[in-house]
Amino acid sequence: MKTLEKLLKIAGLGFLGLMLLTLAVGFFMTKTTSPEEYASSKIESQKRSAIAKDEKAKAQVEKEILKAKKEFEDNLYSYELTARVCAQGYIESMLSPKPAKFPLKEATYDKERDLFRIFSYVDTVNNFNAPIRQNYYCEISGIDLETSLCAKTECVWQ
């Protein structure tokens, strides 16, 4: 306390002078706001808070999408094999005599439509036991790796 009194005496201010200085600084530093300005300030603060929450939620969704894409790319080979099995099963069901050879030819993934396209052929025999080769094209979508099932398989002989 004595240090404060010494500083005030050095500055030439007494206690009353310090009070007047504090009031003057406080008067010039405070800004009066109307109820409208206060409400507007409060609304702007809430808007900024809502935008920040929305951006945070959007960032979370984008993070989950990237995680799903990475998981799919990591399992792309498994998806391709499952697509080949689905195509083979579909083609086998269309063949009259069952024995057939299915070479692995070409499989592509269409990201836009989320489906696999398989171009290949099957070597089999016809009803007269003559060997034949038939080309086919399949589109496979809705692949479930856990069950190795495909939601949709469409194949066309070429």
N, C-alpha and C. Protein backbone atom coordinates (compact mmCIF):
# COMPACT_ATOMS: atom_id res chain seq x y z
N MET A 1 0.82 -1.17 0.00
CA MET A 1 0.00 0.00 0.00
C MET A 1 0.87 1.25 0.00
N LYS A 2 1.95 1.21 0.74
CA LYS A 2 2.83 2.37 0.80
C LYS A 2 3.46 2.63 -0.56
N THR A 3 3.72 1.58 -1.32
CA THR A 3 4.32 1.75 -2.65
C THR A 3 3.36 2.49 -3.57
N LEU A 4 2.06 2.16 -3.50
CA LEU A 4 1.05 2.83 -4.31
C LEU A 4 0.95 4.30 -3.95
N GLU A 5 0.98 4.58 -2.65
CA GLU A 5 0.92 5.98 -2.19
C GLU A 5 2.12 6.75 -2.69
N LYS A 6 3.32 6.14 -2.65
CA LYS A 6 4.53 6.81 -3.13
C LYS A 6 4.43 7.11 -4.61
N LEU A 7 3.91 6.16 -5.39
CA LEU A 7 3.75 6.36 -6.83
C LEU A 7 2.77 7.48 -7.12
N LEU A 8 1.69 7.54 -6.38
CA LEU A 8 0.71 8.60 -6.58
C LEU A 8 1.29 9.96 -6.25
N LYS A 9 2.09 10.05 -5.17
CA LYS A 9 2.71 11.31 -4.80
C LYS A 9 3.73 11.75 -5.85
N ILE A 10 4.49 10.77 -6.40
CA ILE A 10 5.47 11.09 -7.44
C ILE A 10 4.75 11.61 -8.68
N ALA A 11 3.62 10.97 -9.01
CA ALA A 11 2.86 11.38 -10.19
C ALA A 11 2.10 12.66 -9.92
N GLY A 12 2.03 13.09 -8.68
CA GLY A 12 1.33 14.31 -8.34
C GLY A 12 -0.16 14.11 -8.19
N LEU A 13 -0.55 12.89 -8.00
CA LEU A 13 -1.97 12.60 -7.84
C LEU A 13 -2.23 12.04 -6.46
N GLY A 14 -3.29 12.46 -5.88
CA GLY A 14 -3.72 11.89 -4.62
C GLY A 14 -4.77 10.84 -4.92
N PHE A 15 -5.39 10.37 -3.89
CA PHE A 15 -6.41 9.36 -4.06
C PHE A 15 -7.57 9.91 -4.88
N LEU A 16 -7.92 11.15 -4.61
CA LEU A 16 -9.02 11.79 -5.34
C LEU A 16 -8.65 11.93 -6.82
N GLY A 17 -7.43 12.25 -7.09
CA GLY A 17 -6.97 12.37 -8.49
C GLY A 17 -7.03 11.03 -9.21
N LEU A 18 -6.67 9.97 -8.51
CA LEU A 18 -6.73 8.63 -9.10
C LEU A 18 -8.16 8.25 -9.44
N MET A 19 -9.11 8.58 -8.55
CA MET A 19 -10.52 8.27 -8.79
C MET A 19 -11.02 9.03 -10.02
N LEU A 20 -10.67 10.31 -10.13
CA LEU A 20 -11.11 11.11 -11.27
C LEU A 20 -10.51 10.56 -12.57
N LEU A 21 -9.27 10.18 -12.52
CA LEU A 21 -8.62 9.60 -13.70
C LEU A 21 -9.30 8.29 -14.11
N THR A 22 -9.64 7.45 -13.15
CA THR A 22 -10.32 6.18 -13.43
C THR A 22 -11.69 6.43 -14.05
N LEU A 23 -12.44 7.38 -13.51
CA LEU A 23 -13.76 7.71 -14.06
C LEU A 23 -13.65 8.25 -15.48
N ALA A 24 -12.67 9.10 -15.72
CA ALA A 24 -12.51 9.69 -17.05
C ALA A 24 -12.15 8.61 -18.07
N VAL A 25 -11.23 7.73 -17.72
CA VAL A 25 -10.85 6.65 -18.63
C VAL A 25 -12.03 5.74 -18.86
N GLY A 26 -12.77 5.40 -17.82
CA GLY A 26 -13.93 4.54 -17.95
C GLY A 26 -15.00 5.17 -18.82
N PHE A 27 -15.18 6.48 -18.71
CA PHE A 27 -16.20 7.17 -19.50
C PHE A 27 -15.86 7.11 -20.98
N PHE A 28 -14.61 7.33 -21.30
CA PHE A 28 -14.22 7.33 -22.71
C PHE A 28 -14.07 5.92 -23.29
N MET A 29 -13.84 4.94 -22.44
CA MET A 29 -13.62 3.58 -22.92
C MET A 29 -14.92 2.81 -23.14
N THR A 30 -15.95 3.13 -22.37
CA THR A 30 -17.20 2.38 -22.52
C THR A 30 -18.01 2.94 -23.66
N LYS A 31 -18.67 2.03 -24.33
CA LYS A 31 -19.52 2.41 -25.45
C LYS A 31 -20.93 2.00 -25.08
N THR A 32 -21.84 2.91 -25.20
CA THR A 32 -23.22 2.57 -24.89
C THR A 32 -23.82 1.90 -26.11
N THR A 33 -24.60 0.85 -25.87
CA THR A 33 -25.25 0.14 -26.96
C THR A 33 -26.74 0.16 -26.74
N SER A 34 -27.44 0.30 -27.84
CA SER A 34 -28.89 0.29 -27.75
C SER A 34 -29.35 -1.16 -27.70
N PRO A 35 -30.60 -1.41 -27.33
CA PRO A 35 -31.10 -2.79 -27.32
C PRO A 35 -31.03 -3.42 -28.71
N GLU A 36 -31.25 -2.62 -29.76
CA GLU A 36 -31.18 -3.14 -31.13
C GLU A 36 -29.76 -3.59 -31.47
N GLU A 37 -28.77 -2.75 -31.08
CA GLU A 37 -27.37 -3.10 -31.34
C GLU A 37 -26.97 -4.35 -30.57
N TYR A 38 -27.44 -4.45 -29.33
CA TYR A 38 -27.13 -5.62 -28.51
C TYR A 38 -27.74 -6.88 -29.14
N ALA A 39 -29.01 -6.78 -29.56
CA ALA A 39 -29.69 -7.93 -30.17
C ALA A 39 -28.99 -8.32 -31.47
N SER A 40 -28.63 -7.31 -32.27
CA SER A 40 -27.94 -7.58 -33.53
C SER A 40 -26.60 -8.26 -33.28
N SER A 41 -25.87 -7.79 -32.28
CA SER A 41 -24.59 -8.39 -31.92
C SER A 41 -24.78 -9.83 -31.46
N LYS A 42 -25.82 -10.07 -30.68
CA LYS A 42 -26.09 -11.41 -30.18
C LYS A 42 -26.44 -12.35 -31.34
N ILE A 43 -27.26 -11.87 -32.29
CA ILE A 43 -27.65 -12.68 -33.45
C ILE A 43 -26.42 -13.00 -34.30
N GLU A 44 -25.56 -12.02 -34.54
CA GLU A 44 -24.34 -12.26 -35.32
C GLU A 44 -23.45 -13.29 -34.64
N SER A 45 -23.37 -13.21 -33.33
CA SER A 45 -22.56 -14.18 -32.58
C SER A 45 -23.14 -15.58 -32.75
N GLN A 46 -24.48 -15.70 -32.68
CA GLN A 46 -25.13 -17.00 -32.85
C GLN A 46 -24.94 -17.52 -34.27
N LYS A 47 -25.01 -16.62 -35.26
CA LYS A 47 -24.79 -17.03 -36.66
C LYS A 47 -23.38 -17.58 -36.84
N ARG A 48 -22.38 -16.85 -36.28
CA ARG A 48 -21.00 -17.32 -36.39
C ARG A 48 -20.83 -18.68 -35.73
N SER A 49 -21.49 -18.86 -34.60
CA SER A 49 -21.41 -20.14 -33.90
C SER A 49 -22.06 -21.26 -34.72
N ALA A 50 -23.22 -20.96 -35.34
CA ALA A 50 -23.91 -21.96 -36.16
C ALA A 50 -23.08 -22.32 -37.39
N ILE A 51 -22.45 -21.32 -38.02
CA ILE A 51 -21.61 -21.56 -39.19
C ILE A 51 -20.42 -22.44 -38.81
N ALA A 52 -19.83 -22.14 -37.66
CA ALA A 52 -18.69 -22.95 -37.21
C ALA A 52 -19.11 -24.39 -36.96
N LYS A 53 -20.30 -24.59 -36.36
CA LYS A 53 -20.79 -25.96 -36.13
C LYS A 53 -21.07 -26.66 -37.45
N ASP A 54 -21.66 -25.92 -38.41
CA ASP A 54 -21.98 -26.49 -39.72
C ASP A 54 -20.69 -26.90 -40.44
N GLU A 55 -19.68 -26.04 -40.38
CA GLU A 55 -18.40 -26.36 -41.02
C GLU A 55 -17.75 -27.57 -40.35
N LYS A 56 -17.90 -27.67 -39.04
CA LYS A 56 -17.34 -28.82 -38.32
C LYS A 56 -18.05 -30.10 -38.75
N ALA A 57 -19.39 -30.04 -38.87
CA ALA A 57 -20.16 -31.21 -39.30
C ALA A 57 -19.81 -31.58 -40.73
N LYS A 58 -19.65 -30.57 -41.59
CA LYS A 58 -19.29 -30.82 -42.98
C LYS A 58 -17.91 -31.47 -43.07
N ALA A 59 -16.99 -30.99 -42.26
CA ALA A 59 -15.65 -31.57 -42.24
C ALA A 59 -15.70 -33.03 -41.76
N GLN A 60 -16.57 -33.33 -40.81
CA GLN A 60 -16.71 -34.70 -40.32
C GLN A 60 -17.24 -35.62 -41.41
N VAL A 61 -18.25 -35.13 -42.17
CA VAL A 61 -18.81 -35.93 -43.26
C VAL A 61 -17.75 -36.19 -44.32
N GLU A 62 -16.99 -35.14 -44.68
CA GLU A 62 -15.92 -35.31 -45.67
C GLU A 62 -14.88 -36.31 -45.19
N LYS A 63 -14.59 -36.28 -43.90
CA LYS A 63 -13.62 -37.22 -43.33
C LYS A 63 -14.13 -38.65 -43.45
N GLU A 64 -15.43 -38.85 -43.18
CA GLU A 64 -16.03 -40.19 -43.29
C GLU A 64 -16.06 -40.67 -44.74
N ILE A 65 -16.31 -39.76 -45.68
CA ILE A 65 -16.30 -40.12 -47.10
C ILE A 65 -14.91 -40.56 -47.52
N LEU A 66 -13.89 -39.81 -47.11
CA LEU A 66 -12.51 -40.18 -47.44
C LEU A 66 -12.16 -41.54 -46.83
N LYS A 67 -12.63 -41.79 -45.61
CA LYS A 67 -12.37 -43.08 -44.97
C LYS A 67 -13.02 -44.22 -45.75
N ALA A 68 -14.26 -44.00 -46.20
CA ALA A 68 -14.97 -45.04 -46.98
C ALA A 68 -14.27 -45.27 -48.31
N LYS A 69 -13.81 -44.20 -48.96
CA LYS A 69 -13.10 -44.34 -50.23
C LYS A 69 -11.80 -45.13 -50.04
N LYS A 70 -11.07 -44.80 -48.97
CA LYS A 70 -9.81 -45.52 -48.71
C LYS A 70 -10.08 -46.99 -48.43
N GLU A 71 -11.15 -47.25 -47.65
CA GLU A 71 -11.50 -48.64 -47.35
C GLU A 71 -11.86 -49.39 -48.64
N PHE A 72 -12.59 -48.72 -49.53
CA PHE A 72 -12.96 -49.36 -50.79
C PHE A 72 -11.71 -49.63 -51.63
N GLU A 73 -10.82 -48.63 -51.73
CA GLU A 73 -9.61 -48.82 -52.53
C GLU A 73 -8.73 -49.92 -51.95
N ASP A 74 -8.71 -50.02 -50.61
CA ASP A 74 -7.94 -51.10 -49.99
C ASP A 74 -8.52 -52.47 -50.32
N ASN A 75 -9.83 -52.53 -50.53
CA ASN A 75 -10.51 -53.79 -50.81
C ASN A 75 -10.86 -53.96 -52.28
N LEU A 76 -10.31 -53.13 -53.15
CA LEU A 76 -10.68 -53.16 -54.56
C LEU A 76 -10.47 -54.54 -55.18
N TYR A 77 -9.37 -55.19 -54.86
CA TYR A 77 -9.10 -56.52 -55.42
C TYR A 77 -10.18 -57.52 -54.98
N SER A 78 -10.57 -57.45 -53.71
CA SER A 78 -11.62 -58.35 -53.21
C SER A 78 -12.95 -58.08 -53.92
N TYR A 79 -13.25 -56.80 -54.15
CA TYR A 79 -14.48 -56.46 -54.88
C TYR A 79 -14.43 -57.00 -56.30
N GLU A 80 -13.27 -56.88 -56.93
CA GLU A 80 -13.13 -57.37 -58.30
C GLU A 80 -13.32 -58.88 -58.36
N LEU A 81 -12.71 -59.61 -57.43
CA LEU A 81 -12.88 -61.07 -57.41
C LEU A 81 -14.34 -61.46 -57.18
N THR A 82 -15.00 -60.77 -56.27
CA THR A 82 -16.41 -61.05 -56.02
C THR A 82 -17.24 -60.76 -57.26
N ALA A 83 -16.91 -59.67 -57.97
CA ALA A 83 -17.62 -59.35 -59.21
C ALA A 83 -17.42 -60.45 -60.24
N ARG A 84 -16.20 -60.97 -60.34
CA ARG A 84 -15.93 -62.06 -61.29
C ARG A 84 -16.73 -63.32 -60.93
N VAL A 85 -16.81 -63.62 -59.64
CA VAL A 85 -17.57 -64.79 -59.20
C VAL A 85 -19.05 -64.61 -59.53
N CYS A 86 -19.58 -63.41 -59.30
CA CYS A 86 -20.99 -63.16 -59.62
C CYS A 86 -21.24 -63.30 -61.12
N ALA A 87 -20.34 -62.77 -61.93
CA ALA A 87 -20.49 -62.88 -63.39
C ALA A 87 -20.42 -64.35 -63.81
N GLN A 88 -19.47 -65.07 -63.26
CA GLN A 88 -19.31 -66.49 -63.61
C GLN A 88 -20.56 -67.28 -63.23
N GLY A 89 -21.09 -67.02 -62.05
CA GLY A 89 -22.30 -67.72 -61.62
C GLY A 89 -23.48 -67.42 -62.53
N TYR A 90 -23.58 -66.17 -62.95
CA TYR A 90 -24.67 -65.79 -63.84
C TYR A 90 -24.54 -66.47 -65.20
N ILE A 91 -23.33 -66.47 -65.76
CA ILE A 91 -23.09 -67.09 -67.06
C ILE A 91 -23.29 -68.60 -66.98
N GLU A 92 -22.81 -69.23 -65.91
CA GLU A 92 -22.99 -70.68 -65.76
C GLU A 92 -24.46 -71.06 -65.74
N SER A 93 -25.28 -70.20 -65.15
CA SER A 93 -26.71 -70.51 -65.09
C SER A 93 -27.37 -70.44 -66.47
N MET A 94 -26.72 -69.76 -67.41
CA MET A 94 -27.28 -69.63 -68.76
C MET A 94 -26.77 -70.71 -69.71
N LEU A 95 -25.74 -71.44 -69.33
CA LEU A 95 -25.17 -72.47 -70.20
C LEU A 95 -25.96 -73.76 -70.09
N SER A 96 -26.09 -74.43 -71.22
CA SER A 96 -26.84 -75.68 -71.23
C SER A 96 -26.02 -76.80 -70.60
N PRO A 97 -24.96 -77.28 -71.24
CA PRO A 97 -24.11 -78.23 -70.51
C PRO A 97 -23.26 -77.42 -69.52
N LYS A 98 -23.14 -77.90 -68.33
CA LYS A 98 -22.50 -77.13 -67.28
C LYS A 98 -20.98 -76.98 -67.36
N PRO A 99 -20.19 -77.94 -67.83
CA PRO A 99 -18.74 -77.75 -67.77
C PRO A 99 -18.30 -76.59 -68.65
N ALA A 100 -17.51 -75.69 -68.07
CA ALA A 100 -17.03 -74.53 -68.82
C ALA A 100 -15.74 -74.02 -68.18
N LYS A 101 -14.94 -73.32 -68.97
CA LYS A 101 -13.71 -72.70 -68.47
C LYS A 101 -13.90 -71.19 -68.57
N PHE A 102 -13.58 -70.50 -67.48
CA PHE A 102 -13.70 -69.04 -67.40
C PHE A 102 -12.34 -68.41 -67.20
N PRO A 103 -11.69 -67.99 -68.26
CA PRO A 103 -10.41 -67.32 -68.08
C PRO A 103 -10.64 -65.89 -67.54
N LEU A 104 -9.69 -65.40 -66.82
CA LEU A 104 -9.77 -64.02 -66.35
C LEU A 104 -9.29 -63.11 -67.47
N LYS A 105 -10.15 -62.24 -67.95
CA LYS A 105 -9.76 -61.39 -69.06
C LYS A 105 -9.63 -59.94 -68.60
N GLU A 106 -10.73 -59.20 -68.55
CA GLU A 106 -10.64 -57.79 -68.21
C GLU A 106 -11.77 -57.39 -67.28
N ALA A 107 -11.41 -56.69 -66.21
CA ALA A 107 -12.41 -56.14 -65.28
C ALA A 107 -12.04 -54.69 -65.00
N THR A 108 -13.02 -53.82 -65.11
CA THR A 108 -12.79 -52.39 -64.82
C THR A 108 -13.83 -51.91 -63.83
N TYR A 109 -13.46 -50.88 -63.09
CA TYR A 109 -14.39 -50.31 -62.11
C TYR A 109 -14.78 -48.92 -62.57
N ASP A 110 -16.08 -48.66 -62.62
CA ASP A 110 -16.62 -47.35 -62.99
C ASP A 110 -17.01 -46.63 -61.69
N LYS A 111 -16.19 -45.64 -61.29
CA LYS A 111 -16.42 -44.93 -60.04
C LYS A 111 -17.72 -44.14 -60.07
N GLU A 112 -18.03 -43.52 -61.21
CA GLU A 112 -19.23 -42.69 -61.30
C GLU A 112 -20.50 -43.49 -61.05
N ARG A 113 -20.58 -44.69 -61.60
CA ARG A 113 -21.78 -45.52 -61.47
C ARG A 113 -21.65 -46.59 -60.39
N ASP A 114 -20.47 -46.68 -59.76
CA ASP A 114 -20.20 -47.65 -58.70
C ASP A 114 -20.53 -49.07 -59.14
N LEU A 115 -19.91 -49.47 -60.25
CA LEU A 115 -20.12 -50.84 -60.73
C LEU A 115 -18.87 -51.35 -61.44
N PHE A 116 -18.78 -52.68 -61.49
CA PHE A 116 -17.69 -53.34 -62.22
C PHE A 116 -18.20 -53.75 -63.58
N ARG A 117 -17.32 -53.64 -64.57
CA ARG A 117 -17.61 -54.15 -65.92
C ARG A 117 -16.60 -55.25 -66.20
N ILE A 118 -17.12 -56.38 -66.62
CA ILE A 118 -16.26 -57.52 -66.93
C ILE A 118 -16.48 -57.91 -68.39
N PHE A 119 -15.38 -57.93 -69.14
CA PHE A 119 -15.38 -58.39 -70.53
C PHE A 119 -14.56 -59.67 -70.54
N SER A 120 -15.17 -60.75 -70.97
CA SER A 120 -14.43 -62.01 -70.99
C SER A 120 -15.11 -62.97 -71.94
N TYR A 121 -14.73 -64.23 -71.83
CA TYR A 121 -15.33 -65.27 -72.66
C TYR A 121 -15.40 -66.56 -71.85
N VAL A 122 -16.18 -67.48 -72.36
CA VAL A 122 -16.30 -68.78 -71.72
C VAL A 122 -16.09 -69.85 -72.79
N ASP A 123 -15.27 -70.82 -72.48
CA ASP A 123 -15.07 -71.98 -73.37
C ASP A 123 -15.94 -73.11 -72.85
N THR A 124 -16.81 -73.62 -73.71
CA THR A 124 -17.72 -74.70 -73.32
C THR A 124 -18.01 -75.57 -74.53
N VAL A 125 -18.91 -76.47 -74.39
CA VAL A 125 -19.33 -77.32 -75.52
C VAL A 125 -20.82 -77.11 -75.74
N ASN A 126 -21.24 -77.23 -76.99
CA ASN A 126 -22.67 -77.09 -77.28
C ASN A 126 -23.36 -78.44 -77.12
N ASN A 127 -24.60 -78.50 -77.51
CA ASN A 127 -25.38 -79.74 -77.37
C ASN A 127 -24.83 -80.88 -78.22
N PHE A 128 -24.00 -80.56 -79.22
CA PHE A 128 -23.42 -81.59 -80.08
C PHE A 128 -21.99 -81.92 -79.68
N ASN A 129 -21.58 -81.46 -78.47
CA ASN A 129 -20.23 -81.66 -77.93
C ASN A 129 -19.14 -80.99 -78.75
N ALA A 130 -19.51 -79.98 -79.49
CA ALA A 130 -18.52 -79.21 -80.24
C ALA A 130 -18.04 -78.07 -79.34
N PRO A 131 -16.72 -77.84 -79.27
CA PRO A 131 -16.23 -76.74 -78.42
C PRO A 131 -16.61 -75.38 -79.02
N ILE A 132 -17.05 -74.52 -78.15
CA ILE A 132 -17.39 -73.16 -78.60
C ILE A 132 -16.83 -72.15 -77.60
N ARG A 133 -16.59 -70.96 -78.08
CA ARG A 133 -16.15 -69.85 -77.23
C ARG A 133 -17.18 -68.73 -77.40
N GLN A 134 -17.71 -68.28 -76.28
CA GLN A 134 -18.68 -67.21 -76.31
C GLN A 134 -18.16 -66.04 -75.49
N ASN A 135 -18.15 -64.86 -76.10
CA ASN A 135 -17.76 -63.64 -75.40
C ASN A 135 -18.97 -63.11 -74.63
N TYR A 136 -18.68 -62.50 -73.50
CA TYR A 136 -19.77 -61.90 -72.74
C TYR A 136 -19.28 -60.62 -72.07
N TYR A 137 -20.26 -59.81 -71.68
CA TYR A 137 -20.02 -58.54 -71.00
C TYR A 137 -20.99 -58.48 -69.82
N CYS A 138 -20.46 -58.18 -68.63
CA CYS A 138 -21.32 -58.10 -67.43
C CYS A 138 -21.10 -56.79 -66.70
N GLU A 139 -22.19 -56.29 -66.11
CA GLU A 139 -22.12 -55.15 -65.19
C GLU A 139 -22.60 -55.64 -63.84
N ILE A 140 -21.76 -55.44 -62.82
CA ILE A 140 -22.06 -55.93 -61.48
C ILE A 140 -22.03 -54.75 -60.51
N SER A 141 -23.07 -54.63 -59.69
CA SER A 141 -23.12 -53.56 -58.69
C SER A 141 -23.66 -54.10 -57.38
N GLY A 142 -23.51 -53.30 -56.33
CA GLY A 142 -24.01 -53.69 -55.02
C GLY A 142 -23.29 -54.87 -54.42
N ILE A 143 -21.96 -54.85 -54.47
CA ILE A 143 -21.16 -55.98 -53.98
C ILE A 143 -21.03 -55.92 -52.46
N ASP A 144 -21.30 -57.05 -51.81
CA ASP A 144 -21.15 -57.17 -50.36
C ASP A 144 -20.03 -58.18 -50.10
N LEU A 145 -18.91 -57.70 -49.57
CA LEU A 145 -17.75 -58.58 -49.36
C LEU A 145 -17.99 -59.62 -48.27
N GLU A 146 -18.80 -59.27 -47.28
CA GLU A 146 -19.03 -60.21 -46.17
C GLU A 146 -19.78 -61.45 -46.64
N THR A 147 -20.77 -61.26 -47.53
CA THR A 147 -21.58 -62.40 -47.99
C THR A 147 -21.16 -62.88 -49.37
N SER A 148 -20.28 -62.13 -50.04
CA SER A 148 -19.86 -62.42 -51.42
C SER A 148 -21.05 -62.46 -52.38
N LEU A 149 -22.02 -61.60 -52.13
CA LEU A 149 -23.18 -61.50 -53.00
C LEU A 149 -23.17 -60.17 -53.75
N CYS A 150 -23.84 -60.17 -54.89
CA CYS A 150 -23.96 -58.96 -55.70
C CYS A 150 -25.44 -58.61 -55.81
N ALA A 151 -25.76 -57.35 -55.61
CA ALA A 151 -27.16 -56.94 -55.66
C ALA A 151 -27.71 -57.01 -57.08
N LYS A 152 -26.87 -56.69 -58.05
CA LYS A 152 -27.36 -56.66 -59.42
C LYS A 152 -26.27 -57.16 -60.36
N THR A 153 -26.61 -58.15 -61.18
CA THR A 153 -25.68 -58.67 -62.19
C THR A 153 -26.42 -58.75 -63.50
N GLU A 154 -25.92 -58.04 -64.48
CA GLU A 154 -26.51 -58.08 -65.83
C GLU A 154 -25.43 -58.48 -66.81
N CYS A 155 -25.67 -59.52 -67.58
CA CYS A 155 -24.70 -59.99 -68.55
C CYS A 155 -25.34 -60.08 -69.94
N VAL A 156 -24.50 -59.86 -70.95
CA VAL A 156 -24.96 -59.91 -72.34
C VAL A 156 -23.95 -60.73 -73.13
N TRP A 157 -24.44 -61.65 -73.95
CA TRP A 157 -23.56 -62.39 -74.86
C TRP A 157 -23.18 -61.46 -76.01
N GLN A 158 -21.94 -61.56 -76.44
CA GLN A 158 -21.50 -60.72 -77.56
C GLN A 158 -21.16 -61.55 -78.76
